[in-house]
Amino acid sequence: SFGLAAEMNDHHFHYGYWIRAMAELSLRDPQWAGAARWGGMVPWLIRDIAHPERHSADFPFLRSFDVYEGHSWASGVALGELGNNQESSSEAMNAAAGVALWGATTGNTTIRDLGIFLFASE
């Protein structure tokens, strides 16, 4: 898992696959995306990788995305002499596309716009 739990690494890579898949499902079955159904988990995954709110007790703002650098970071704790890394921009792009698609299919313009921002910036 490349330090997913212990070092908070690669969340946007791993969760991006789930978010994207669930967004694709919501295109075909909007009922599935309901908060009382499986779709209720997706906002938590999105907030974990890129919370759109600045002052939340649950997750940090944008978590793995560095607005100054204009891309996300894969390494959660910057261990080692080389610091953080971003070894897979394609996986970051997939996560951003999934966030945008989820927002679009569920009518959540905040999440849709967050995904578009992440995708365009990454």
PDB file of N, CA and C in Angstrom:
ATOM      1  N   SER A   1       0.821  -1.212   0.000  1.00  0.00           N
ATOM      2  CA  SER A   1       0.000   0.000   0.000  1.00  0.00           C
ATOM      3  C   SER A   1       0.851   1.256   0.000  1.00  0.00           C
ATOM      4  N   PHE A   2       2.165   1.117  -0.069  1.00  0.00           N
ATOM      5  CA  PHE A   2       3.070   2.266  -0.196  1.00  0.00           C
ATOM      6  C   PHE A   2       2.880   3.309   0.909  1.00  0.00           C
ATOM      7  N   GLY A   3       2.645   2.856   2.136  1.00  0.00           N
ATOM      8  CA  GLY A   3       2.530   3.783   3.259  1.00  0.00           C
ATOM      9  C   GLY A   3       1.191   4.483   3.365  1.00  0.00           C
ATOM     10  N   LEU A   4       0.161   3.938   2.731  1.00  0.00           N
ATOM     11  CA  LEU A   4      -1.155   4.571   2.697  1.00  0.00           C
ATOM     12  C   LEU A   4      -1.661   4.937   4.089  1.00  0.00           C
ATOM     13  N   ALA A   5      -1.574   4.031   5.034  1.00  0.00           N
ATOM     14  CA  ALA A   5      -2.113   4.291   6.367  1.00  0.00           C
ATOM     15  C   ALA A   5      -1.089   4.936   7.291  1.00  0.00           C
ATOM     16  N   ALA A   6       0.112   4.403   7.332  1.00  0.00           N
ATOM     17  CA  ALA A   6       1.109   4.883   8.290  1.00  0.00           C
ATOM     18  C   ALA A   6       1.673   6.252   7.940  1.00  0.00           C
ATOM     19  N   GLU A   7       1.840   6.534   6.652  1.00  0.00           N
ATOM     20  CA  GLU A   7       2.473   7.785   6.255  1.00  0.00           C
ATOM     21  C   GLU A   7       1.532   8.700   5.476  1.00  0.00           C
ATOM     22  N   MET A   8       0.275   8.310   5.362  1.00  0.00           N
ATOM     23  CA  MET A   8      -0.739   9.100   4.652  1.00  0.00           C
ATOM     24  C   MET A   8      -0.359   9.315   3.184  1.00  0.00           C
ATOM     25  N   ASN A   9       0.309   8.347   2.590  1.00  0.00           N
ATOM     26  CA  ASN A   9       0.745   8.429   1.197  1.00  0.00           C
ATOM     27  C   ASN A   9      -0.344   8.001   0.222  1.00  0.00           C
ATOM     28  N   ASP A  10      -0.325   8.599  -0.940  1.00  0.00           N
ATOM     29  CA  ASP A  10      -1.042   8.113  -2.115  1.00  0.00           C
ATOM     30  C   ASP A  10      -2.567   8.032  -1.971  1.00  0.00           C
ATOM     31  N   HIS A  11      -3.146   8.728  -1.017  1.00  0.00           N
ATOM     32  CA  HIS A  11      -4.600   8.665  -0.877  1.00  0.00           C
ATOM     33  C   HIS A  11      -5.298   9.074  -2.166  1.00  0.00           C
ATOM     34  N   HIS A  12      -4.842  10.174  -2.773  1.00  0.00           N
ATOM     35  CA  HIS A  12      -5.518  10.630  -3.989  1.00  0.00           C
ATOM     36  C   HIS A  12      -5.331   9.639  -5.135  1.00  0.00           C
ATOM     37  N   PHE A  13      -4.251   8.899  -5.131  1.00  0.00           N
ATOM     38  CA  PHE A  13      -4.065   7.879  -6.166  1.00  0.00           C
ATOM     39  C   PHE A  13      -5.049   6.733  -5.950  1.00  0.00           C
ATOM     40  N   HIS A  14      -5.033   6.143  -4.754  1.00  0.00           N
ATOM     41  CA  HIS A  14      -5.870   4.983  -4.461  1.00  0.00           C
ATOM     42  C   HIS A  14      -7.353   5.334  -4.454  1.00  0.00           C
ATOM     43  N   TYR A  15      -7.717   6.381  -3.724  1.00  0.00           N
ATOM     44  CA  TYR A  15      -9.130   6.740  -3.622  1.00  0.00           C
ATOM     45  C   TYR A  15      -9.659   7.287  -4.944  1.00  0.00           C
ATOM     46  N   GLY A  16      -8.764   7.836  -5.758  1.00  0.00           N
ATOM     47  CA  GLY A  16      -9.175   8.355  -7.053  1.00  0.00           C
ATOM     48  C   GLY A  16      -9.822   7.287  -7.917  1.00  0.00           C
ATOM     49  N   TYR A  17      -9.322   6.060  -7.857  1.00  0.00           N
ATOM     50  CA  TYR A  17      -9.921   4.964  -8.620  1.00  0.00           C
ATOM     51  C   TYR A  17     -11.347   4.684  -8.137  1.00  0.00           C
ATOM     52  N   TRP A  18     -11.524   4.695  -6.821  1.00  0.00           N
ATOM     53  CA  TRP A  18     -12.860   4.442  -6.258  1.00  0.00           C
ATOM     54  C   TRP A  18     -13.817   5.577  -6.601  1.00  0.00           C
ATOM     55  N   ILE A  19     -13.348   6.809  -6.445  1.00  0.00           N
ATOM     56  CA  ILE A  19     -14.206   7.961  -6.739  1.00  0.00           C
ATOM     57  C   ILE A  19     -14.618   7.948  -8.205  1.00  0.00           C
ATOM     58  N   ARG A  20     -13.670   7.708  -9.066  1.00  0.00           N
ATOM     59  CA  ARG A  20     -13.967   7.681 -10.504  1.00  0.00           C
ATOM     60  C   ARG A  20     -14.959   6.573 -10.831  1.00  0.00           C
ATOM     61  N   ALA A  21     -14.747   5.393 -10.273  1.00  0.00           N
ATOM     62  CA  ALA A  21     -15.667   4.278 -10.535  1.00  0.00           C
ATOM     63  C   ALA A  21     -17.062   4.586 -10.016  1.00  0.00           C
ATOM     64  N   MET A  22     -17.157   5.165  -8.836  1.00  0.00           N
ATOM     65  CA  MET A  22     -18.464   5.476  -8.268  1.00  0.00           C
ATOM     66  C   MET A  22     -19.154   6.588  -9.052  1.00  0.00           C
ATOM     67  N   ALA A  23     -18.371   7.530  -9.579  1.00  0.00           N
ATOM     68  CA  ALA A  23     -18.955   8.576 -10.431  1.00  0.00           C
ATOM     69  C   ALA A  23     -19.512   7.975 -11.713  1.00  0.00           C
ATOM     70  N   GLU A  24     -18.794   7.013 -12.290  1.00  0.00           N
ATOM     71  CA  GLU A  24     -19.289   6.336 -13.494  1.00  0.00           C
ATOM     72  C   GLU A  24     -20.577   5.567 -13.194  1.00  0.00           C
ATOM     73  N   LEU A  25     -20.627   4.919 -12.030  1.00  0.00           N
ATOM     74  CA  LEU A  25     -21.856   4.221 -11.634  1.00  0.00           C
ATOM     75  C   LEU A  25     -23.022   5.190 -11.480  1.00  0.00           C
ATOM     76  N   SER A  26     -22.742   6.360 -10.918  1.00  0.00           N
ATOM     77  CA  SER A  26     -23.816   7.331 -10.697  1.00  0.00           C
ATOM     78  C   SER A  26     -24.381   7.870 -11.998  1.00  0.00           C
ATOM     79  N   LEU A  27     -23.585   7.833 -13.066  1.00  0.00           N
ATOM     80  CA  LEU A  27     -24.090   8.227 -14.383  1.00  0.00           C
ATOM     81  C   LEU A  27     -25.195   7.281 -14.849  1.00  0.00           C
ATOM     82  N   ARG A  28     -25.033   6.016 -14.541  1.00  0.00           N
ATOM     83  CA  ARG A  28     -25.951   5.002 -15.025  1.00  0.00           C
ATOM     84  C   ARG A  28     -27.058   4.665 -14.038  1.00  0.00           C
ATOM     85  N   ASP A  29     -26.808   4.926 -12.765  1.00  0.00           N
ATOM     86  CA  ASP A  29     -27.788   4.619 -11.726  1.00  0.00           C
ATOM     87  C   ASP A  29     -27.777   5.736 -10.677  1.00  0.00           C
ATOM     88  N   PRO A  30     -28.474   6.831 -10.945  1.00  0.00           N
ATOM     89  CA  PRO A  30     -28.474   7.964 -10.012  1.00  0.00           C
ATOM     90  C   PRO A  30     -28.965   7.605  -8.612  1.00  0.00           C
ATOM     91  N   GLN A  31     -29.851   6.624  -8.492  1.00  0.00           N
ATOM     92  CA  GLN A  31     -30.326   6.202  -7.174  1.00  0.00           C
ATOM     93  C   GLN A  31     -29.188   5.648  -6.321  1.00  0.00           C
ATOM     94  N   TRP A  32     -28.253   4.969  -6.968  1.00  0.00           N
ATOM     95  CA  TRP A  32     -27.105   4.387  -6.277  1.00  0.00           C
ATOM     96  C   TRP A  32     -26.285   5.471  -5.584  1.00  0.00           C
ATOM     97  N   ALA A  33     -26.247   6.647  -6.181  1.00  0.00           N
ATOM     98  CA  ALA A  33     -25.428   7.743  -5.668  1.00  0.00           C
ATOM     99  C   ALA A  33     -26.077   8.480  -4.500  1.00  0.00           C
ATOM    100  N   GLY A  34     -27.252   8.103  -4.094  1.00  0.00           N
ATOM    101  CA  GLY A  34     -27.936   8.765  -2.986  1.00  0.00           C
ATOM    102  C   GLY A  34     -27.172   8.629  -1.676  1.00  0.00           C
ATOM    103  N   ALA A  35     -27.327   9.616  -0.817  1.00  0.00           N
ATOM    104  CA  ALA A  35     -26.609   9.642   0.471  1.00  0.00           C
ATOM    105  C   ALA A  35     -26.961   8.446   1.347  1.00  0.00           C
ATOM    106  N   ALA A  36     -28.172   7.940   1.227  1.00  0.00           N
ATOM    107  CA  ALA A  36     -28.593   6.787   2.031  1.00  0.00           C
ATOM    108  C   ALA A  36     -28.111   5.464   1.441  1.00  0.00           C
ATOM    109  N   ARG A  37     -27.584   5.535   0.245  1.00  0.00           N
ATOM    110  CA  ARG A  37     -27.084   4.329  -0.404  1.00  0.00           C
ATOM    111  C   ARG A  37     -25.561   4.388  -0.435  1.00  0.00           C
ATOM    112  N   TRP A  38     -24.937   3.704  -1.382  1.00  0.00           N
ATOM    113  CA  TRP A  38     -23.473   3.648  -1.451  1.00  0.00           C
ATOM    114  C   TRP A  38     -22.834   5.001  -1.715  1.00  0.00           C
ATOM    115  N   GLY A  39     -23.548   5.876  -2.385  1.00  0.00           N
ATOM    116  CA  GLY A  39     -23.010   7.193  -2.695  1.00  0.00           C
ATOM    117  C   GLY A  39     -22.717   8.046  -1.475  1.00  0.00           C
ATOM    118  N   GLY A  40     -23.224   7.668  -0.335  1.00  0.00           N
ATOM    119  CA  GLY A  40     -22.970   8.421   0.890  1.00  0.00           C
ATOM    120  C   GLY A  40     -21.513   8.409   1.327  1.00  0.00           C
ATOM    121  N   MET A  41     -20.750   7.453   0.853  1.00  0.00           N
ATOM    122  CA  MET A  41     -19.334   7.342   1.221  1.00  0.00           C
ATOM    123  C   MET A  41     -18.429   8.215   0.359  1.00  0.00           C
ATOM    124  N   VAL A  42     -18.854   8.525  -0.843  1.00  0.00           N
ATOM    125  CA  VAL A  42     -18.004   9.251  -1.790  1.00  0.00           C
ATOM    126  C   VAL A  42     -17.565  10.617  -1.273  1.00  0.00           C
ATOM    127  N   PRO A  43     -18.465  11.424  -0.689  1.00  0.00           N
ATOM    128  CA  PRO A  43     -18.003  12.727  -0.170  1.00  0.00           C
ATOM    129  C   PRO A  43     -16.892  12.606   0.874  1.00  0.00           C
ATOM    130  N   TRP A  44     -16.909  11.526   1.655  1.00  0.00           N
ATOM    131  CA  TRP A  44     -15.838  11.318   2.633  1.00  0.00           C
ATOM    132  C   TRP A  44     -14.504  11.051   1.938  1.00  0.00           C
ATOM    133  N   LEU A  45     -14.535  10.253   0.894  1.00  0.00           N
ATOM    134  CA  LEU A  45     -13.304   9.988   0.142  1.00  0.00           C
ATOM    135  C   LEU A  45     -12.785  11.278  -0.503  1.00  0.00           C
ATOM    136  N   ILE A  46     -13.684  12.069  -1.049  1.00  0.00           N
ATOM    137  CA  ILE A  46     -13.274  13.330  -1.675  1.00  0.00           C
ATOM    138  C   ILE A  46     -12.686  14.268  -0.639  1.00  0.00           C
ATOM    139  N   ARG A  47     -13.342  14.384   0.505  1.00  0.00           N
ATOM    140  CA  ARG A  47     -12.803  15.275   1.553  1.00  0.00           C
ATOM    141  C   ARG A  47     -11.448  14.784   2.055  1.00  0.00           C
ATOM    142  N   ASP A  48     -11.250  13.474   2.074  1.00  0.00           N
ATOM    143  CA  ASP A  48      -9.953  12.949   2.510  1.00  0.00           C
ATOM    144  C   ASP A  48      -8.832  13.375   1.574  1.00  0.00           C
ATOM    145  N   ILE A  49      -9.075  13.377   0.276  1.00  0.00           N
ATOM    146  CA  ILE A  49      -7.991  13.710  -0.658  1.00  0.00           C
ATOM    147  C   ILE A  49      -7.904  15.196  -0.981  1.00  0.00           C
ATOM    148  N   ALA A  50      -9.029  15.921  -0.921  1.00  0.00           N
ATOM    149  CA  ALA A  50      -9.007  17.341  -1.302  1.00  0.00           C
ATOM    150  C   ALA A  50     -10.224  18.056  -0.725  1.00  0.00           C
ATOM    151  N   HIS A  51     -10.229  18.279   0.563  1.00  0.00           N
ATOM    152  CA  HIS A  51     -11.381  18.922   1.211  1.00  0.00           C
ATOM    153  C   HIS A  51     -11.549  20.344   0.680  1.00  0.00           C
ATOM    154  N   PRO A  52     -12.754  20.700   0.211  1.00  0.00           N
ATOM    155  CA  PRO A  52     -12.949  22.040  -0.332  1.00  0.00           C
ATOM    156  C   PRO A  52     -13.105  23.128   0.726  1.00  0.00           C
ATOM    157  N   GLU A  53     -13.278  22.752   1.994  1.00  0.00           N
ATOM    158  CA  GLU A  53     -13.473  23.739   3.064  1.00  0.00           C
ATOM    159  C   GLU A  53     -12.168  23.999   3.803  1.00  0.00           C
ATOM    160  N   ARG A  54     -11.924  25.265   4.087  1.00  0.00           N
ATOM    161  CA  ARG A  54     -10.674  25.649   4.748  1.00  0.00           C
ATOM    162  C   ARG A  54     -10.646  25.341   6.239  1.00  0.00           C
ATOM    163  N   HIS A  55     -11.762  25.378   6.893  1.00  0.00           N
ATOM    164  CA  HIS A  55     -11.781  25.216   8.345  1.00  0.00           C
ATOM    165  C   HIS A  55     -12.678  24.047   8.733  1.00  0.00           C
ATOM    166  N   SER A  56     -12.116  22.865   8.636  1.00  0.00           N
ATOM    167  CA  SER A  56     -12.856  21.650   8.955  1.00  0.00           C
ATOM    168  C   SER A  56     -12.089  20.852  10.001  1.00  0.00           C
ATOM    169  N   ALA A  57     -12.828  20.275  10.907  1.00  0.00           N
ATOM    170  CA  ALA A  57     -12.200  19.433  11.933  1.00  0.00           C
ATOM    171  C   ALA A  57     -11.886  18.039  11.403  1.00  0.00           C
ATOM    172  N   ASP A  58     -12.479  17.673  10.264  1.00  0.00           N
ATOM    173  CA  ASP A  58     -12.314  16.320   9.733  1.00  0.00           C
ATOM    174  C   ASP A  58     -11.044  16.133   8.918  1.00  0.00           C
ATOM    175  N   PHE A  59     -10.827  16.999   7.934  1.00  0.00           N
ATOM    176  CA  PHE A  59      -9.703  16.848   7.017  1.00  0.00           C
ATOM    177  C   PHE A  59      -9.130  18.225   6.695  1.00  0.00           C
ATOM    178  N   PRO A  60      -7.844  18.292   6.364  1.00  0.00           N
ATOM    179  CA  PRO A  60      -7.246  19.575   5.992  1.00  0.00           C
ATOM    180  C   PRO A  60      -7.680  20.047   4.604  1.00  0.00           C
ATOM    181  N   PHE A  61      -7.647  21.342   4.402  1.00  0.00           N
ATOM    182  CA  PHE A  61      -8.013  21.950   3.128  1.00  0.00           C
ATOM    183  C   PHE A  61      -7.131  21.409   2.009  1.00  0.00           C
ATOM    184  N   LEU A  62      -7.748  20.882   0.978  1.00  0.00           N
ATOM    185  CA  LEU A  62      -7.105  20.328  -0.217  1.00  0.00           C
ATOM    186  C   LEU A  62      -6.085  19.224   0.050  1.00  0.00           C
ATOM    187  N   ARG A  63      -5.848  18.871   1.245  1.00  0.00           N
ATOM    188  CA  ARG A  63      -4.929  17.847   1.744  1.00  0.00           C
ATOM    189  C   ARG A  63      -3.663  17.593   0.920  1.00  0.00           C
ATOM    190  N   SER A  64      -3.733  16.875  -0.151  1.00  0.00           N
ATOM    191  CA  SER A  64      -2.507  16.512  -0.864  1.00  0.00           C
ATOM    192  C   SER A  64      -2.145  17.485  -1.972  1.00  0.00           C
ATOM    193  N   PHE A  65      -3.005  18.464  -2.241  1.00  0.00           N
ATOM    194  CA  PHE A  65      -2.750  19.400  -3.335  1.00  0.00           C
ATOM    195  C   PHE A  65      -2.033  20.641  -2.818  1.00  0.00           C
ATOM    196  N   ASP A  66      -0.972  21.013  -3.480  1.00  0.00           N
ATOM    197  CA  ASP A  66      -0.175  22.183  -3.115  1.00  0.00           C
ATOM    198  C   ASP A  66      -0.492  23.318  -4.092  1.00  0.00           C
ATOM    199  N   VAL A  67      -1.247  24.297  -3.633  1.00  0.00           N
ATOM    200  CA  VAL A  67      -1.679  25.384  -4.508  1.00  0.00           C
ATOM    201  C   VAL A  67      -0.473  26.172  -5.024  1.00  0.00           C
ATOM    202  N   TYR A  68       0.534  26.349  -4.187  1.00  0.00           N
ATOM    203  CA  TYR A  68       1.721  27.099  -4.584  1.00  0.00           C
ATOM    204  C   TYR A  68       2.471  26.390  -5.717  1.00  0.00           C
ATOM    205  N   GLU A  69       2.633  25.096  -5.596  1.00  0.00           N
ATOM    206  CA  GLU A  69       3.346  24.320  -6.612  1.00  0.00           C
ATOM    207  C   GLU A  69       2.462  24.000  -7.819  1.00  0.00           C
ATOM    208  N   GLY A  70       1.141  23.954  -7.604  1.00  0.00           N
ATOM    209  CA  GLY A  70       0.222  23.670  -8.695  1.00  0.00           C
ATOM    210  C   GLY A  70       0.048  22.193  -8.996  1.00  0.00           C
ATOM    211  N   HIS A  71       0.375  21.350  -8.033  1.00  0.00           N
ATOM    212  CA  HIS A  71       0.175  19.910  -8.204  1.00  0.00           C
ATOM    213  C   HIS A  71       0.070  19.255  -6.838  1.00  0.00           C
ATOM    214  N   SER A  72      -0.313  18.005  -6.843  1.00  0.00           N
ATOM    215  CA  SER A  72      -0.427  17.267  -5.590  1.00  0.00           C
ATOM    216  C   SER A  72       0.903  16.612  -5.243  1.00  0.00           C
ATOM    217  N   TRP A  73       0.966  16.148  -4.008  1.00  0.00           N
ATOM    218  CA  TRP A  73       2.141  15.422  -3.526  1.00  0.00           C
ATOM    219  C   TRP A  73       1.714  14.019  -3.141  1.00  0.00           C
ATOM    220  N   ALA A  74       2.520  13.043  -3.472  1.00  0.00           N
ATOM    221  CA  ALA A  74       2.196  11.660  -3.135  1.00  0.00           C
ATOM    222  C   ALA A  74       2.632  11.311  -1.721  1.00  0.00           C
ATOM    223  N   SER A  75       3.774  11.795  -1.316  1.00  0.00           N
ATOM    224  CA  SER A  75       4.307  11.467   0.007  1.00  0.00           C
ATOM    225  C   SER A  75       3.626  12.332   1.057  1.00  0.00           C
ATOM    226  N   GLY A  76       3.069  11.671   2.055  1.00  0.00           N
ATOM    227  CA  GLY A  76       2.324  12.399   3.079  1.00  0.00           C
ATOM    228  C   GLY A  76       3.159  13.032   4.154  1.00  0.00           C
ATOM    229  N   VAL A  77       4.355  12.492   4.419  1.00  0.00           N
ATOM    230  CA  VAL A  77       5.144  13.017   5.539  1.00  0.00           C
ATOM    231  C   VAL A  77       6.532  13.482   5.122  1.00  0.00           C
ATOM    232  N   ALA A  78       6.842  13.439   3.866  1.00  0.00           N
ATOM    233  CA  ALA A  78       8.111  13.953   3.333  1.00  0.00           C
ATOM    234  C   ALA A  78       9.333  13.355   4.014  1.00  0.00           C
ATOM    235  N   LEU A  79       9.339  12.055   4.130  1.00  0.00           N
ATOM    236  CA  LEU A  79      10.492  11.386   4.721  1.00  0.00           C
ATOM    237  C   LEU A  79      11.633  11.323   3.711  1.00  0.00           C
ATOM    238  N   GLY A  80      12.823  11.286   4.201  1.00  0.00           N
ATOM    239  CA  GLY A  80      13.977  11.115   3.324  1.00  0.00           C
ATOM    240  C   GLY A  80      14.577  12.426   2.877  1.00  0.00           C
ATOM    241  N   GLU A  81      15.766  12.333   2.351  1.00  0.00           N
ATOM    242  CA  GLU A  81      16.517  13.531   1.973  1.00  0.00           C
ATOM    243  C   GLU A  81      15.939  14.250   0.763  1.00  0.00           C
ATOM    244  N   LEU A  82      15.118  13.561  -0.021  1.00  0.00           N
ATOM    245  CA  LEU A  82      14.537  14.184  -1.206  1.00  0.00           C
ATOM    246  C   LEU A  82      13.165  14.804  -0.952  1.00  0.00           C
ATOM    247  N   GLY A  83      12.619  14.647   0.257  1.00  0.00           N
ATOM    248  CA  GLY A  83      11.341  15.256   0.584  1.00  0.00           C
ATOM    249  C   GLY A  83      10.172  14.584  -0.088  1.00  0.00           C
ATOM    250  N   ASN A  84       9.147  15.373  -0.355  1.00  0.00           N
ATOM    251  CA  ASN A  84       7.934  14.856  -0.989  1.00  0.00           C
ATOM    252  C   ASN A  84       8.197  14.422  -2.422  1.00  0.00           C
ATOM    253  N   ASN A  85       7.240  13.734  -2.975  1.00  0.00           N
ATOM    254  CA  ASN A  85       7.342  13.326  -4.371  1.00  0.00           C
ATOM    255  C   ASN A  85       5.957  13.305  -4.993  1.00  0.00           C
ATOM    256  N   GLN A  86       5.935  13.287  -6.289  1.00  0.00           N
ATOM    257  CA  GLN A  86       4.696  13.149  -7.046  1.00  0.00           C
ATOM    258  C   GLN A  86       5.022  12.195  -8.185  1.00  0.00           C
ATOM    259  N   GLU A  87       4.979  10.908  -7.868  1.00  0.00           N
ATOM    260  CA  GLU A  87       5.475   9.947  -8.842  1.00  0.00           C
ATOM    261  C   GLU A  87       4.440   9.550  -9.886  1.00  0.00           C
ATOM    262  N   SER A  88       3.206  10.019  -9.765  1.00  0.00           N
ATOM    263  CA  SER A  88       2.210   9.599 -10.745  1.00  0.00           C
ATOM    264  C   SER A  88       1.183  10.696 -10.992  1.00  0.00           C
ATOM    265  N   SER A  89       1.540  11.610 -11.861  1.00  0.00           N
ATOM    266  CA  SER A  89       0.597  12.684 -12.178  1.00  0.00           C
ATOM    267  C   SER A  89      -0.641  12.137 -12.887  1.00  0.00           C
ATOM    268  N   SER A  90      -0.510  11.039 -13.603  1.00  0.00           N
ATOM    269  CA  SER A  90      -1.680  10.474 -14.282  1.00  0.00           C
ATOM    270  C   SER A  90      -2.715   9.986 -13.279  1.00  0.00           C
ATOM    271  N   GLU A  91      -2.268   9.421 -12.173  1.00  0.00           N
ATOM    272  CA  GLU A  91      -3.217   8.991 -11.151  1.00  0.00           C
ATOM    273  C   GLU A  91      -3.851  10.185 -10.452  1.00  0.00           C
ATOM    274  N   ALA A  92      -3.098  11.259 -10.286  1.00  0.00           N
ATOM    275  CA  ALA A  92      -3.666  12.483  -9.716  1.00  0.00           C
ATOM    276  C   ALA A  92      -4.716  13.063 -10.651  1.00  0.00           C
ATOM    277  N   MET A  93      -4.447  13.014 -11.962  1.00  0.00           N
ATOM    278  CA  MET A  93      -5.406  13.505 -12.957  1.00  0.00           C
ATOM    279  C   MET A  93      -6.680  12.652 -12.944  1.00  0.00           C
ATOM    280  N   ASN A  94      -6.527  11.346 -12.786  1.00  0.00           N
ATOM    281  CA  ASN A  94      -7.682  10.461 -12.691  1.00  0.00           C
ATOM    282  C   ASN A  94      -8.539  10.820 -11.481  1.00  0.00           C
ATOM    283  N   ALA A  95      -7.901  11.079 -10.349  1.00  0.00           N
ATOM    284  CA  ALA A  95      -8.647  11.451  -9.147  1.00  0.00           C
ATOM    285  C   ALA A  95      -9.401  12.756  -9.364  1.00  0.00           C
ATOM    286  N   ALA A  96      -8.739  13.743  -9.951  1.00  0.00           N
ATOM    287  CA  ALA A  96      -9.384  15.036 -10.207  1.00  0.00           C
ATOM    288  C   ALA A  96     -10.561  14.872 -11.165  1.00  0.00           C
ATOM    289  N   ALA A  97     -10.394  14.072 -12.195  1.00  0.00           N
ATOM    290  CA  ALA A  97     -11.487  13.820 -13.138  1.00  0.00           C
ATOM    291  C   ALA A  97     -12.657  13.130 -12.437  1.00  0.00           C
ATOM    292  N   GLY A  98     -12.347  12.204 -11.547  1.00  0.00           N
ATOM    293  CA  GLY A  98     -13.398  11.525 -10.791  1.00  0.00           C
ATOM    294  C   GLY A  98     -14.153  12.473  -9.885  1.00  0.00           C
ATOM    295  N   VAL A  99     -13.436  13.379  -9.233  1.00  0.00           N
ATOM    296  CA  VAL A  99     -14.078  14.374  -8.367  1.00  0.00           C
ATOM    297  C   VAL A  99     -15.010  15.259  -9.198  1.00  0.00           C
ATOM    298  N   ALA A 100     -14.520  15.737 -10.342  1.00  0.00           N
ATOM    299  CA  ALA A 100     -15.341  16.587 -11.207  1.00  0.00           C
ATOM    300  C   ALA A 100     -16.577  15.832 -11.703  1.00  0.00           C
ATOM    301  N   LEU A 101     -16.393  14.586 -12.109  1.00  0.00           N
ATOM    302  CA  LEU A 101     -17.507  13.795 -12.610  1.00  0.00           C
ATOM    303  C   LEU A 101     -18.522  13.518 -11.513  1.00  0.00           C
ATOM    304  N   TRP A 102     -18.054  13.211 -10.305  1.00  0.00           N
ATOM    305  CA  TRP A 102     -18.973  12.978  -9.194  1.00  0.00           C
ATOM    306  C   TRP A 102     -19.799  14.238  -8.926  1.00  0.00           C
ATOM    307  N   GLY A 103     -19.146  15.385  -8.874  1.00  0.00           N
ATOM    308  CA  GLY A 103     -19.877  16.626  -8.651  1.00  0.00           C
ATOM    309  C   GLY A 103     -20.896  16.887  -9.739  1.00  0.00           C
ATOM    310  N   ALA A 104     -20.522  16.623 -10.986  1.00  0.00           N
ATOM    311  CA  ALA A 104     -21.426  16.853 -12.110  1.00  0.00           C
ATOM    312  C   ALA A 104     -22.624  15.911 -12.075  1.00  0.00           C
ATOM    313  N   THR A 105     -22.392  14.635 -11.789  1.00  0.00           N
ATOM    314  CA  THR A 105     -23.484  13.665 -11.823  1.00  0.00           C
ATOM    315  C   THR A 105     -24.421  13.791 -10.632  1.00  0.00           C
ATOM    316  N   THR A 106     -23.938  14.366  -9.531  1.00  0.00           N
ATOM    317  CA  THR A 106     -24.775  14.509  -8.342  1.00  0.00           C
ATOM    318  C   THR A 106     -25.313  15.925  -8.177  1.00  0.00           C
ATOM    319  N   GLY A 107     -24.959  16.816  -9.086  1.00  0.00           N
ATOM    320  CA  GLY A 107     -25.457  18.188  -9.016  1.00  0.00           C
ATOM    321  C   GLY A 107     -24.771  19.041  -7.969  1.00  0.00           C
ATOM    322  N   ASN A 108     -23.605  18.619  -7.509  1.00  0.00           N
ATOM    323  CA  ASN A 108     -22.861  19.381  -6.505  1.00  0.00           C
ATOM    324  C   ASN A 108     -21.816  20.244  -7.224  1.00  0.00           C
ATOM    325  N   THR A 109     -22.147  21.509  -7.439  1.00  0.00           N
ATOM    326  CA  THR A 109     -21.258  22.379  -8.212  1.00  0.00           C
ATOM    327  C   THR A 109     -19.961  22.690  -7.477  1.00  0.00           C
ATOM    328  N   THR A 110     -19.980  22.694  -6.157  1.00  0.00           N
ATOM    329  CA  THR A 110     -18.739  22.924  -5.396  1.00  0.00           C
ATOM    330  C   THR A 110     -17.739  21.813  -5.674  1.00  0.00           C
ATOM    331  N   ILE A 111     -18.201  20.572  -5.625  1.00  0.00           N
ATOM    332  CA  ILE A 111     -17.323  19.433  -5.871  1.00  0.00           C
ATOM    333  C   ILE A 111     -16.932  19.369  -7.344  1.00  0.00           C
ATOM    334  N   ARG A 112     -17.870  19.630  -8.221  1.00  0.00           N
ATOM    335  CA  ARG A 112     -17.550  19.656  -9.659  1.00  0.00           C
ATOM    336  C   ARG A 112     -16.444  20.669  -9.946  1.00  0.00           C
ATOM    337  N   ASP A 113     -16.608  21.882  -9.405  1.00  0.00           N
ATOM    338  CA  ASP A 113     -15.618  22.935  -9.641  1.00  0.00           C
ATOM    339  C   ASP A 113     -14.282  22.627  -8.980  1.00  0.00           C
ATOM    340  N   LEU A 114     -14.311  21.963  -7.830  1.00  0.00           N
ATOM    341  CA  LEU A 114     -13.074  21.526  -7.188  1.00  0.00           C
ATOM    342  C   LEU A 114     -12.326  20.569  -8.102  1.00  0.00           C
ATOM    343  N   GLY A 115     -13.021  19.599  -8.654  1.00  0.00           N
ATOM    344  CA  GLY A 115     -12.393  18.639  -9.560  1.00  0.00           C
ATOM    345  C   GLY A 115     -11.831  19.309 -10.800  1.00  0.00           C
ATOM    346  N   ILE A 116     -12.569  20.265 -11.348  1.00  0.00           N
ATOM    347  CA  ILE A 116     -12.088  20.992 -12.523  1.00  0.00           C
ATOM    348  C   ILE A 116     -10.833  21.783 -12.178  1.00  0.00           C
ATOM    349  N   PHE A 117     -10.830  22.440 -11.025  1.00  0.00           N
ATOM    350  CA  PHE A 117      -9.644  23.185 -10.590  1.00  0.00           C
ATOM    351  C   PHE A 117      -8.441  22.262 -10.431  1.00  0.00           C
ATOM    352  N   LEU A 118      -8.641  21.139  -9.750  1.00  0.00           N
ATOM    353  CA  LEU A 118      -7.540  20.201  -9.542  1.00  0.00           C
ATOM    354  C   LEU A 118      -7.015  19.660 -10.871  1.00  0.00           C
ATOM    355  N   PHE A 119      -7.931  19.314 -11.767  1.00  0.00           N
ATOM    356  CA  PHE A 119      -7.539  18.765 -13.063  1.00  0.00           C
ATOM    357  C   PHE A 119      -6.763  19.795 -13.887  1.00  0.00           C
ATOM    358  N   ALA A 120      -7.293  21.004 -13.951  1.00  0.00           N
ATOM    359  CA  ALA A 120      -6.645  22.062 -14.754  1.00  0.00           C
ATOM    360  C   ALA A 120      -5.291  22.461 -14.172  1.00  0.00           C
ATOM    361  N   SER A 121      -5.176  22.445 -12.866  1.00  0.00           N
ATOM    362  CA  SER A 121      -3.924  22.852 -12.213  1.00  0.00           C
ATOM    363  C   SER A 121      -2.872  21.754 -12.254  1.00  0.00           C
ATOM    364  N   GLU A 122      -3.307  20.540 -12.044  1.00  0.00           N
ATOM    365  CA  GLU A 122      -2.359  19.410 -11.983  1.00  0.00           C
ATOM    366  C   GLU A 122      -1.613  19.276 -13.297  1.00  0.00           C
TER     367      GLU A 122
END
